[in-house]
Amino acid sequence: MLEPPPDVSDDDVLEVVRRCWEPRADAVQHLAVGWGAHHWRVDVQGQPTHFATLDPDLPRHTAESLEGAYAAAAALGLDFVWPSLPSTSGRFTVPCGPRTASVTRWLEGTRPAESVAELPDMLAVLHAATPPPGAPVWSSEIDPRLGDHLRDLLVEDWSAPLGPAARELVVTHLTQVGAWSREHTRLLARVDPAAYVVTHGEPHVRNQWVAAGRTWLIDWESLKLAPRERDLATLVHEGRDVDHDPELVRLFDLEWRLSEIWSFAQWLQGPHTGDTDDHTALGGLTEELTRPHFGER
């Protein structure tokens, strides 16, 4: 997230990091990076040593699923995984106010300008890995009646600063969202749990990091056992030549799109101030309601 959270202070984050990971930590700085979670640089005597993350409790990421995902990523032992660190209790996550804290070591590097050439090979290795015990298992979070839920949401008050613009977008695309929901339900029947593998969930360029002479995959909060296409959708959208089931790629394109539409619509219908994160949410809602899907021209 670009703005600091309203319900957790820098002092709260520093206290949790000191108590559970690094007692020598003496300063934290909120970083306007990523989306969905909040991040801090952690310093010891003026030098960055750790990277702290606070994840909100969402349907997509609960405290239980976050612990399972971070623990599973650390257990993989793959040389491109930048894992979270266990806390003093042995767990990888710790409550911090209403959010869930995790910590990695600081890794000085850069995000690549475009997705790295070796990504298909990295994902092939990941998908062949033995699933760690306790790894979360994917299930769809999309309600088949999403179109109806959006219609019900439209009768609520949308008077917060960006509400009217968001409501107009939802009204314009409501029929299409209903059709996408029905298509998603049809494609979901094609999923075979017996074929699930370890997936990152979001291996796009924003979760690739070039450092120490190699490329790392970062941000493992979305790790789940799932169809390969959960990751391969990224490669297909990038035009990579990879073996895949087009209908399952379409499924995960819809899964992402519909979950974002519902999340952003709820956000912008509710109380907000019109800050940078709110404008980003409106941009996200616009993007997901108007962009082409995989298989569409």
C-alpha atoms as a PDB file:
ATOM      1  CA  MET A   1       0.000   0.000   0.000  1.00  0.00           C
ATOM      2  CA  LEU A   2       1.133   3.529  -0.725  1.00  0.00           C
ATOM      3  CA  GLU A   3      -0.264   5.176   2.417  1.00  0.00           C
ATOM      4  CA  PRO A   4       0.665   4.091   5.981  1.00  0.00           C
ATOM      5  CA  PRO A   5      -2.054   2.052   7.706  1.00  0.00           C
ATOM      6  CA  PRO A   6      -4.459   3.960   9.961  1.00  0.00           C
ATOM      7  CA  ASP A   7      -4.595   1.259  12.622  1.00  0.00           C
ATOM      8  CA  VAL A   8      -0.911   0.334  13.162  1.00  0.00           C
ATOM      9  CA  SER A   9       1.919   2.794  13.917  1.00  0.00           C
ATOM     10  CA  ASP A  10       5.634   2.617  13.148  1.00  0.00           C
ATOM     11  CA  ASP A  11       6.224   2.130  16.865  1.00  0.00           C
ATOM     12  CA  ASP A  12       3.874  -0.886  16.837  1.00  0.00           C
ATOM     13  CA  VAL A  13       5.831  -2.450  13.971  1.00  0.00           C
ATOM     14  CA  LEU A  14       9.191  -1.769  15.612  1.00  0.00           C
ATOM     15  CA  GLU A  15       8.017  -3.325  18.880  1.00  0.00           C
ATOM     16  CA  VAL A  16       6.853  -6.523  17.127  1.00  0.00           C
ATOM     17  CA  VAL A  17      10.064  -6.822  15.104  1.00  0.00           C
ATOM     18  CA  ARG A  18      12.221  -6.336  18.214  1.00  0.00           C
ATOM     19  CA  ARG A  19      10.224  -8.798  20.289  1.00  0.00           C
ATOM     20  CA  CYS A  20       9.839 -11.528  17.686  1.00  0.00           C
ATOM     21  CA  TRP A  21      12.686 -11.257  15.163  1.00  0.00           C
ATOM     22  CA  GLU A  22      15.490  -8.750  15.725  1.00  0.00           C
ATOM     23  CA  PRO A  23      16.046  -7.284  19.216  1.00  0.00           C
ATOM     24  CA  ARG A  24      18.710  -4.900  17.879  1.00  0.00           C
ATOM     25  CA  ALA A  25      16.286  -3.123  15.519  1.00  0.00           C
ATOM     26  CA  ASP A  26      16.205   0.591  16.267  1.00  0.00           C
ATOM     27  CA  ALA A  27      14.164   2.140  13.442  1.00  0.00           C
ATOM     28  CA  VAL A  28      11.532   1.321  10.830  1.00  0.00           C
ATOM     29  CA  GLN A  29      10.416   3.239   7.754  1.00  0.00           C
ATOM     30  CA  HIS A  30       7.120   2.652   5.927  1.00  0.00           C
ATOM     31  CA  LEU A  31       7.735   1.975   2.240  1.00  0.00           C
ATOM     32  CA  ALA A  32       5.214   2.941  -0.456  1.00  0.00           C
ATOM     33  CA  VAL A  33       5.663  -0.301  -2.393  1.00  0.00           C
ATOM     34  CA  GLY A  34       3.460  -3.183  -3.440  1.00  0.00           C
ATOM     35  CA  TRP A  35      -0.279  -3.437  -3.091  1.00  0.00           C
ATOM     36  CA  GLY A  36      -2.592  -5.063  -0.580  1.00  0.00           C
ATOM     37  CA  ALA A  37      -0.079  -5.277   2.261  1.00  0.00           C
ATOM     38  CA  HIS A  38       2.022  -2.655   4.057  1.00  0.00           C
ATOM     39  CA  HIS A  39       5.818  -2.832   4.146  1.00  0.00           C
ATOM     40  CA  TRP A  40       8.614  -1.381   6.290  1.00  0.00           C
ATOM     41  CA  ARG A  41      12.372  -1.229   6.085  1.00  0.00           C
ATOM     42  CA  VAL A  42      13.926  -2.291   9.394  1.00  0.00           C
ATOM     43  CA  ASP A  43      17.261  -0.763  10.398  1.00  0.00           C
ATOM     44  CA  VAL A  44      19.967  -1.649  12.893  1.00  0.00           C
ATOM     45  CA  GLN A  45      22.325   1.265  13.556  1.00  0.00           C
ATOM     46  CA  GLY A  46      21.294   3.027  10.365  1.00  0.00           C
ATOM     47  CA  GLN A  47      21.657   0.018   8.070  1.00  0.00           C
ATOM     48  CA  PRO A  48      18.697  -1.935   6.588  1.00  0.00           C
ATOM     49  CA  THR A  49      18.657  -5.513   7.851  1.00  0.00           C
ATOM     50  CA  HIS A  50      15.064  -6.728   7.489  1.00  0.00           C
ATOM     51  CA  PHE A  51      11.881  -6.160   5.498  1.00  0.00           C
ATOM     52  CA  ALA A  52       8.642  -6.283   7.498  1.00  0.00           C
ATOM     53  CA  THR A  53       5.201  -6.907   6.029  1.00  0.00           C
ATOM     54  CA  LEU A  54       1.730  -6.450   7.526  1.00  0.00           C
ATOM     55  CA  ASP A  55      -1.016  -8.359   5.743  1.00  0.00           C
ATOM     56  CA  PRO A  56      -4.666  -7.493   6.397  1.00  0.00           C
ATOM     57  CA  ASP A  57      -7.177 -10.199   7.259  1.00  0.00           C
ATOM     58  CA  LEU A  58      -9.056 -10.819   3.999  1.00  0.00           C
ATOM     59  CA  PRO A  59     -10.992 -13.714   2.466  1.00  0.00           C
ATOM     60  CA  ARG A  60      -7.969 -14.253   0.222  1.00  0.00           C
ATOM     61  CA  HIS A  61      -5.439 -14.160   3.082  1.00  0.00           C
ATOM     62  CA  THR A  62      -6.362 -15.141   6.611  1.00  0.00           C
ATOM     63  CA  ALA A  63      -3.953 -15.385   9.532  1.00  0.00           C
ATOM     64  CA  GLU A  64      -4.057 -19.177   9.164  1.00  0.00           C
ATOM     65  CA  SER A  65      -3.422 -19.198   5.405  1.00  0.00           C
ATOM     66  CA  LEU A  66      -0.599 -16.665   5.716  1.00  0.00           C
ATOM     67  CA  GLU A  67       1.190 -18.779   8.309  1.00  0.00           C
ATOM     68  CA  GLY A  68       0.794 -21.867   6.117  1.00  0.00           C
ATOM     69  CA  ALA A  69       1.995 -20.080   2.989  1.00  0.00           C
ATOM     70  CA  TYR A  70       5.075 -18.474   4.537  1.00  0.00           C
ATOM     71  CA  ALA A  71       6.049 -21.679   6.356  1.00  0.00           C
ATOM     72  CA  ALA A  72       5.625 -23.730   3.172  1.00  0.00           C
ATOM     73  CA  ALA A  73       7.726 -21.323   1.106  1.00  0.00           C
ATOM     74  CA  ALA A  74      10.544 -21.496   3.657  1.00  0.00           C
ATOM     75  CA  ALA A  75      10.363 -25.313   3.683  1.00  0.00           C
ATOM     76  CA  LEU A  76      10.734 -25.612  -0.105  1.00  0.00           C
ATOM     77  CA  GLY A  77      14.494 -25.032   0.010  1.00  0.00           C
ATOM     78  CA  LEU A  78      14.584 -23.720  -3.566  1.00  0.00           C
ATOM     79  CA  ASP A  79      17.405 -21.377  -4.533  1.00  0.00           C
ATOM     80  CA  PHE A  80      15.099 -18.721  -6.007  1.00  0.00           C
ATOM     81  CA  VAL A  81      12.748 -18.459  -3.017  1.00  0.00           C
ATOM     82  CA  TRP A  82      13.326 -15.426  -0.764  1.00  0.00           C
ATOM     83  CA  PRO A  83      11.534 -16.744   2.313  1.00  0.00           C
ATOM     84  CA  SER A  84      10.118 -15.254   5.461  1.00  0.00           C
ATOM     85  CA  LEU A  85      12.042 -15.814   8.682  1.00  0.00           C
ATOM     86  CA  PRO A  86      10.713 -17.767  11.660  1.00  0.00           C
ATOM     87  CA  SER A  87      10.012 -15.673  14.734  1.00  0.00           C
ATOM     88  CA  THR A  88      11.372 -16.471  18.185  1.00  0.00           C
ATOM     89  CA  SER A  89       8.331 -18.724  18.695  1.00  0.00           C
ATOM     90  CA  GLY A  90       9.073 -20.685  15.519  1.00  0.00           C
ATOM     91  CA  ARG A  91       6.028 -19.329  13.733  1.00  0.00           C
ATOM     92  CA  PHE A  92       6.426 -17.217  10.606  1.00  0.00           C
ATOM     93  CA  THR A  93       3.625 -14.794  11.443  1.00  0.00           C
ATOM     94  CA  VAL A  94       2.761 -12.740  14.523  1.00  0.00           C
ATOM     95  CA  PRO A  95      -0.325 -10.592  15.219  1.00  0.00           C
ATOM     96  CA  CYS A  96       0.290  -6.842  15.029  1.00  0.00           C
ATOM     97  CA  GLY A  97      -2.873  -4.967  15.913  1.00  0.00           C
ATOM     98  CA  PRO A  98      -5.599  -6.159  13.527  1.00  0.00           C
ATOM     99  CA  ARG A  99      -2.998  -7.300  10.982  1.00  0.00           C
ATOM    100  CA  THR A 100      -0.495 -10.134  10.552  1.00  0.00           C
ATOM    101  CA  ALA A 101       3.248  -9.406  10.623  1.00  0.00           C
ATOM    102  CA  SER A 102       5.990 -11.327   8.838  1.00  0.00           C
ATOM    103  CA  VAL A 103       9.658 -10.545   8.199  1.00  0.00           C
ATOM    104  CA  THR A 104      12.318 -11.389   5.611  1.00  0.00           C
ATOM    105  CA  ARG A 105      15.954 -10.406   5.507  1.00  0.00           C
ATOM    106  CA  TRP A 106      16.677  -7.201   3.610  1.00  0.00           C
ATOM    107  CA  LEU A 107      17.752  -7.970   0.024  1.00  0.00           C
ATOM    108  CA  GLU A 108      19.390  -5.111  -1.828  1.00  0.00           C
ATOM    109  CA  GLY A 109      18.425  -5.318  -5.489  1.00  0.00           C
ATOM    110  CA  THR A 110      16.069  -4.120  -8.211  1.00  0.00           C
ATOM    111  CA  ARG A 111      12.830  -5.152  -9.853  1.00  0.00           C
ATOM    112  CA  PRO A 112      13.426  -6.123 -13.519  1.00  0.00           C
ATOM    113  CA  ALA A 113      11.958  -3.862 -16.186  1.00  0.00           C
ATOM    114  CA  GLU A 114      10.145  -6.867 -17.650  1.00  0.00           C
ATOM    115  CA  SER A 115       9.539 -10.441 -16.614  1.00  0.00           C
ATOM    116  CA  VAL A 116      12.795 -12.414 -16.615  1.00  0.00           C
ATOM    117  CA  ALA A 117      13.585 -14.976 -19.308  1.00  0.00           C
ATOM    118  CA  GLU A 118      14.161 -17.728 -16.730  1.00  0.00           C
ATOM    119  CA  LEU A 119      10.676 -17.474 -15.182  1.00  0.00           C
ATOM    120  CA  PRO A 120       9.250 -20.554 -17.022  1.00  0.00           C
ATOM    121  CA  ASP A 121      12.148 -22.694 -15.745  1.00  0.00           C
ATOM    122  CA  MET A 122      11.730 -21.367 -12.209  1.00  0.00           C
ATOM    123  CA  LEU A 123       8.034 -22.178 -12.231  1.00  0.00           C
ATOM    124  CA  ALA A 124       8.682 -25.652 -13.656  1.00  0.00           C
ATOM    125  CA  VAL A 125      11.000 -26.364 -10.716  1.00  0.00           C
ATOM    126  CA  LEU A 126       8.451 -24.972  -8.259  1.00  0.00           C
ATOM    127  CA  HIS A 127       5.636 -27.066  -9.724  1.00  0.00           C
ATOM    128  CA  ALA A 128       7.762 -30.215  -9.475  1.00  0.00           C
ATOM    129  CA  ALA A 129       8.584 -29.602  -5.802  1.00  0.00           C
ATOM    130  CA  THR A 130       7.229 -31.884  -3.101  1.00  0.00           C
ATOM    131  CA  PRO A 131       4.369 -30.052  -1.367  1.00  0.00           C
ATOM    132  CA  PRO A 132       5.439 -29.070   2.161  1.00  0.00           C
ATOM    133  CA  PRO A 133       3.220 -30.282   5.010  1.00  0.00           C
ATOM    134  CA  GLY A 134       0.558 -27.749   5.885  1.00  0.00           C
ATOM    135  CA  ALA A 135       0.715 -25.871   2.588  1.00  0.00           C
ATOM    136  CA  PRO A 136      -2.634 -24.127   1.979  1.00  0.00           C
ATOM    137  CA  VAL A 137      -4.892 -25.638  -0.669  1.00  0.00           C
ATOM    138  CA  TRP A 138      -6.523 -23.385  -3.247  1.00  0.00           C
ATOM    139  CA  SER A 139     -10.279 -23.057  -3.499  1.00  0.00           C
ATOM    140  CA  SER A 140     -12.194 -20.425  -5.379  1.00  0.00           C
ATOM    141  CA  GLU A 141     -13.293 -17.350  -3.458  1.00  0.00           C
ATOM    142  CA  ILE A 142     -15.753 -16.265  -6.158  1.00  0.00           C
ATOM    143  CA  ASP A 143     -19.435 -16.451  -5.233  1.00  0.00           C
ATOM    144  CA  PRO A 144     -21.467 -17.664  -8.231  1.00  0.00           C
ATOM    145  CA  ARG A 145     -23.994 -14.918  -7.388  1.00  0.00           C
ATOM    146  CA  LEU A 146     -21.421 -12.138  -7.554  1.00  0.00           C
ATOM    147  CA  GLY A 147     -23.524 -10.196 -10.056  1.00  0.00           C
ATOM    148  CA  ASP A 148     -26.471 -10.271  -7.652  1.00  0.00           C
ATOM    149  CA  HIS A 149     -24.260  -9.162  -4.741  1.00  0.00           C
ATOM    150  CA  LEU A 150     -22.989  -6.214  -6.776  1.00  0.00           C
ATOM    151  CA  ARG A 151     -26.569  -5.288  -7.655  1.00  0.00           C
ATOM    152  CA  ASP A 152     -27.441  -5.315  -3.953  1.00  0.00           C
ATOM    153  CA  LEU A 153     -24.385  -3.171  -3.214  1.00  0.00           C
ATOM    154  CA  LEU A 154     -25.558  -0.569  -5.719  1.00  0.00           C
ATOM    155  CA  VAL A 155     -28.529   0.366  -3.528  1.00  0.00           C
ATOM    156  CA  GLU A 156     -26.169   1.346  -0.686  1.00  0.00           C
ATOM    157  CA  ASP A 157     -24.743   4.833  -0.182  1.00  0.00           C
ATOM    158  CA  TRP A 158     -21.810   5.624  -2.538  1.00  0.00           C
ATOM    159  CA  SER A 159     -21.336   9.255  -1.480  1.00  0.00           C
ATOM    160  CA  ALA A 160     -17.686   9.046  -0.353  1.00  0.00           C
ATOM    161  CA  PRO A 161     -15.321  11.006  -2.653  1.00  0.00           C
ATOM    162  CA  LEU A 162     -14.729   8.375  -5.360  1.00  0.00           C
ATOM    163  CA  GLY A 163     -17.977   6.489  -4.806  1.00  0.00           C
ATOM    164  CA  PRO A 164     -20.069   8.058  -7.588  1.00  0.00           C
ATOM    165  CA  ALA A 165     -17.445   7.352 -10.257  1.00  0.00           C
ATOM    166  CA  ALA A 166     -17.013   3.784  -9.010  1.00  0.00           C
ATOM    167  CA  ARG A 167     -20.765   3.182  -8.893  1.00  0.00           C
ATOM    168  CA  GLU A 168     -21.153   4.373 -12.492  1.00  0.00           C
ATOM    169  CA  LEU A 169     -18.485   1.907 -13.595  1.00  0.00           C
ATOM    170  CA  VAL A 170     -20.206  -0.975 -11.811  1.00  0.00           C
ATOM    171  CA  VAL A 171     -23.614  -0.067 -13.249  1.00  0.00           C
ATOM    172  CA  THR A 172     -22.193   0.075 -16.776  1.00  0.00           C
ATOM    173  CA  HIS A 173     -20.550  -3.348 -16.529  1.00  0.00           C
ATOM    174  CA  LEU A 174     -22.953  -5.182 -14.203  1.00  0.00           C
ATOM    175  CA  THR A 175     -24.433  -7.454 -16.885  1.00  0.00           C
ATOM    176  CA  GLN A 176     -20.973  -8.469 -18.075  1.00  0.00           C
ATOM    177  CA  VAL A 177     -19.838  -9.251 -14.531  1.00  0.00           C
ATOM    178  CA  GLY A 178     -22.802 -11.591 -14.163  1.00  0.00           C
ATOM    179  CA  ALA A 179     -21.812 -13.376 -17.373  1.00  0.00           C
ATOM    180  CA  TRP A 180     -18.203 -13.688 -16.195  1.00  0.00           C
ATOM    181  CA  SER A 181     -19.400 -15.177 -12.904  1.00  0.00           C
ATOM    182  CA  ARG A 182     -21.442 -17.822 -14.716  1.00  0.00           C
ATOM    183  CA  GLU A 183     -18.498 -18.654 -16.988  1.00  0.00           C
ATOM    184  CA  HIS A 184     -16.224 -18.930 -13.954  1.00  0.00           C
ATOM    185  CA  THR A 185     -18.618 -21.438 -12.353  1.00  0.00           C
ATOM    186  CA  ARG A 186     -18.621 -23.538 -15.534  1.00  0.00           C
ATOM    187  CA  LEU A 187     -14.829 -23.569 -15.800  1.00  0.00           C
ATOM    188  CA  LEU A 188     -14.421 -24.405 -12.118  1.00  0.00           C
ATOM    189  CA  ALA A 189     -15.886 -27.844 -12.827  1.00  0.00           C
ATOM    190  CA  ARG A 190     -12.783 -28.645 -14.916  1.00  0.00           C
ATOM    191  CA  VAL A 191     -10.439 -28.434 -11.919  1.00  0.00           C
ATOM    192  CA  ASP A 192      -8.888 -31.714 -10.727  1.00  0.00           C
ATOM    193  CA  PRO A 193      -7.541 -31.535  -7.146  1.00  0.00           C
ATOM    194  CA  ALA A 194      -5.448 -34.656  -7.802  1.00  0.00           C
ATOM    195  CA  ALA A 195      -3.296 -32.602 -10.179  1.00  0.00           C
ATOM    196  CA  TYR A 196      -2.557 -29.756  -7.747  1.00  0.00           C
ATOM    197  CA  VAL A 197       1.070 -28.593  -7.435  1.00  0.00           C
ATOM    198  CA  VAL A 198       2.861 -25.931  -5.387  1.00  0.00           C
ATOM    199  CA  THR A 199       2.084 -22.537  -6.938  1.00  0.00           C
ATOM    200  CA  HIS A 200       3.292 -19.030  -6.125  1.00  0.00           C
ATOM    201  CA  GLY A 201       0.009 -17.443  -7.184  1.00  0.00           C
ATOM    202  CA  GLU A 202       1.361 -14.093  -8.414  1.00  0.00           C
ATOM    203  CA  PRO A 203       4.719 -14.680 -10.176  1.00  0.00           C
ATOM    204  CA  HIS A 204       4.422 -11.548 -12.331  1.00  0.00           C
ATOM    205  CA  VAL A 205       7.206  -8.992 -12.704  1.00  0.00           C
ATOM    206  CA  ARG A 206       6.252  -7.112  -9.529  1.00  0.00           C
ATOM    207  CA  ASN A 207       7.174 -10.211  -7.495  1.00  0.00           C
ATOM    208  CA  GLN A 208      10.499 -10.794  -9.249  1.00  0.00           C
ATOM    209  CA  TRP A 209      13.647  -9.343  -7.717  1.00  0.00           C
ATOM    210  CA  VAL A 210      17.146  -9.264  -9.180  1.00  0.00           C
ATOM    211  CA  ALA A 211      19.852  -9.363  -6.500  1.00  0.00           C
ATOM    212  CA  ALA A 212      23.108 -11.116  -5.681  1.00  0.00           C
ATOM    213  CA  GLY A 213      23.535 -12.200  -9.306  1.00  0.00           C
ATOM    214  CA  ARG A 214      20.233 -14.037  -9.667  1.00  0.00           C
ATOM    215  CA  THR A 215      16.467 -13.613  -9.866  1.00  0.00           C
ATOM    216  CA  TRP A 216      14.343 -14.325  -6.808  1.00  0.00           C
ATOM    217  CA  LEU A 217      10.619 -14.805  -6.426  1.00  0.00           C
ATOM    218  CA  ILE A 218       9.385 -12.747  -3.471  1.00  0.00           C
ATOM    219  CA  ASP A 219       6.065 -12.208  -1.647  1.00  0.00           C
ATOM    220  CA  TRP A 220       4.975 -15.791  -0.953  1.00  0.00           C
ATOM    221  CA  GLU A 221       1.752 -14.967   0.899  1.00  0.00           C
ATOM    222  CA  SER A 222      -0.310 -16.433  -1.971  1.00  0.00           C
ATOM    223  CA  LEU A 223       1.412 -19.853  -2.078  1.00  0.00           C
ATOM    224  CA  LYS A 224      -1.181 -22.592  -2.477  1.00  0.00           C
ATOM    225  CA  LEU A 225      -1.519 -26.089  -3.862  1.00  0.00           C
ATOM    226  CA  ALA A 226      -3.463 -25.506  -7.071  1.00  0.00           C
ATOM    227  CA  PRO A 227      -3.533 -26.216 -10.814  1.00  0.00           C
ATOM    228  CA  ARG A 228      -0.327 -25.201 -12.622  1.00  0.00           C
ATOM    229  CA  GLU A 229      -2.337 -22.687 -14.607  1.00  0.00           C
ATOM    230  CA  ARG A 230      -2.662 -20.524 -11.521  1.00  0.00           C
ATOM    231  CA  ASP A 231       0.956 -19.518 -12.247  1.00  0.00           C
ATOM    232  CA  LEU A 232       1.043 -20.240 -15.970  1.00  0.00           C
ATOM    233  CA  ALA A 233      -1.602 -17.583 -16.627  1.00  0.00           C
ATOM    234  CA  THR A 234       1.190 -15.032 -16.063  1.00  0.00           C
ATOM    235  CA  LEU A 235       3.355 -16.679 -18.724  1.00  0.00           C
ATOM    236  CA  VAL A 236       0.501 -16.984 -21.209  1.00  0.00           C
ATOM    237  CA  HIS A 237      -0.399 -13.312 -20.793  1.00  0.00           C
ATOM    238  CA  GLU A 238       3.249 -12.471 -21.453  1.00  0.00           C
ATOM    239  CA  GLY A 239       3.171 -14.438 -24.707  1.00  0.00           C
ATOM    240  CA  ARG A 240       5.424 -17.263 -23.480  1.00  0.00           C
ATOM    241  CA  ASP A 241       5.226 -20.608 -25.251  1.00  0.00           C
ATOM    242  CA  VAL A 242       4.261 -22.960 -22.411  1.00  0.00           C
ATOM    243  CA  ASP A 243       2.085 -26.046 -22.317  1.00  0.00           C
ATOM    244  CA  HIS A 244      -1.204 -25.151 -20.630  1.00  0.00           C
ATOM    245  CA  ASP A 245      -4.926 -25.787 -20.535  1.00  0.00           C
ATOM    246  CA  PRO A 246      -6.476 -22.647 -22.089  1.00  0.00           C
ATOM    247  CA  GLU A 247      -9.716 -23.061 -20.165  1.00  0.00           C
ATOM    248  CA  LEU A 248      -7.905 -23.222 -16.822  1.00  0.00           C
ATOM    249  CA  VAL A 249      -5.877 -20.142 -17.726  1.00  0.00           C
ATOM    250  CA  ARG A 250      -9.182 -18.467 -18.500  1.00  0.00           C
ATOM    251  CA  LEU A 251     -10.503 -19.653 -15.119  1.00  0.00           C
ATOM    252  CA  PHE A 252      -7.652 -18.023 -13.210  1.00  0.00           C
ATOM    253  CA  ASP A 253      -7.924 -14.857 -15.269  1.00  0.00           C
ATOM    254  CA  LEU A 254     -11.570 -14.677 -14.215  1.00  0.00           C
ATOM    255  CA  GLU A 255     -10.746 -15.632 -10.614  1.00  0.00           C
ATOM    256  CA  TRP A 256      -8.373 -12.697 -10.298  1.00  0.00           C
ATOM    257  CA  ARG A 257     -10.590 -10.274 -12.178  1.00  0.00           C
ATOM    258  CA  LEU A 258     -13.793 -11.009 -10.288  1.00  0.00           C
ATOM    259  CA  SER A 259     -12.139 -10.998  -6.857  1.00  0.00           C
ATOM    260  CA  GLU A 260     -10.556  -7.605  -7.616  1.00  0.00           C
ATOM    261  CA  ILE A 261     -13.845  -6.161  -8.873  1.00  0.00           C
ATOM    262  CA  TRP A 262     -15.673  -7.229  -5.711  1.00  0.00           C
ATOM    263  CA  SER A 263     -12.886  -6.022  -3.423  1.00  0.00           C
ATOM    264  CA  PHE A 264     -12.549  -2.611  -5.092  1.00  0.00           C
ATOM    265  CA  ALA A 265     -16.309  -2.114  -5.323  1.00  0.00           C
ATOM    266  CA  GLN A 266     -16.720  -2.761  -1.589  1.00  0.00           C
ATOM    267  CA  TRP A 267     -13.798  -0.464  -0.834  1.00  0.00           C
ATOM    268  CA  LEU A 268     -15.122   2.456  -2.867  1.00  0.00           C
ATOM    269  CA  GLN A 269     -18.711   2.058  -1.702  1.00  0.00           C
ATOM    270  CA  GLY A 270     -17.526   2.326   1.875  1.00  0.00           C
ATOM    271  CA  PRO A 271     -15.992   5.237   3.798  1.00  0.00           C
ATOM    272  CA  HIS A 272     -12.790   6.618   2.272  1.00  0.00           C
ATOM    273  CA  THR A 273     -11.028   9.960   1.936  1.00  0.00           C
ATOM    274  CA  GLY A 274      -9.923  10.014  -1.687  1.00  0.00           C
ATOM    275  CA  ASP A 275      -6.217   9.492  -0.883  1.00  0.00           C
ATOM    276  CA  THR A 276      -3.597   7.888  -3.116  1.00  0.00           C
ATOM    277  CA  ASP A 277      -4.656   4.331  -2.242  1.00  0.00           C
ATOM    278  CA  ASP A 278      -8.314   5.169  -2.969  1.00  0.00           C
ATOM    279  CA  HIS A 279      -7.395   6.523  -6.410  1.00  0.00           C
ATOM    280  CA  THR A 280      -5.326   3.395  -7.035  1.00  0.00           C
ATOM    281  CA  ALA A 281      -8.367   1.302  -6.098  1.00  0.00           C
ATOM    282  CA  LEU A 282     -10.510   3.220  -8.600  1.00  0.00           C
ATOM    283  CA  GLY A 283      -7.869   2.627 -11.260  1.00  0.00           C
ATOM    284  CA  GLY A 284      -7.856  -1.071 -10.395  1.00  0.00           C
ATOM    285  CA  LEU A 285     -11.639  -1.278 -10.637  1.00  0.00           C
ATOM    286  CA  THR A 286     -11.557   0.450 -14.013  1.00  0.00           C
ATOM    287  CA  GLU A 287      -8.815  -1.856 -15.286  1.00  0.00           C
ATOM    288  CA  GLU A 288     -10.555  -5.066 -14.241  1.00  0.00           C
ATOM    289  CA  LEU A 289     -13.922  -4.006 -15.637  1.00  0.00           C
ATOM    290  CA  THR A 290     -12.537  -2.979 -19.035  1.00  0.00           C
ATOM    291  CA  ARG A 291      -9.410  -4.992 -19.892  1.00  0.00           C
ATOM    292  CA  PRO A 292      -9.506  -7.972 -22.282  1.00  0.00           C
ATOM    293  CA  HIS A 293      -9.405 -11.520 -20.936  1.00  0.00           C
ATOM    294  CA  PHE A 294      -7.114 -14.281 -22.020  1.00  0.00           C
ATOM    295  CA  GLY A 295      -8.569 -15.600 -25.296  1.00  0.00           C
ATOM    296  CA  GLU A 296     -10.289 -12.303 -26.150  1.00  0.00           C
ATOM    297  CA  ARG A 297      -9.202  -9.764 -28.762  1.00  0.00           C
END
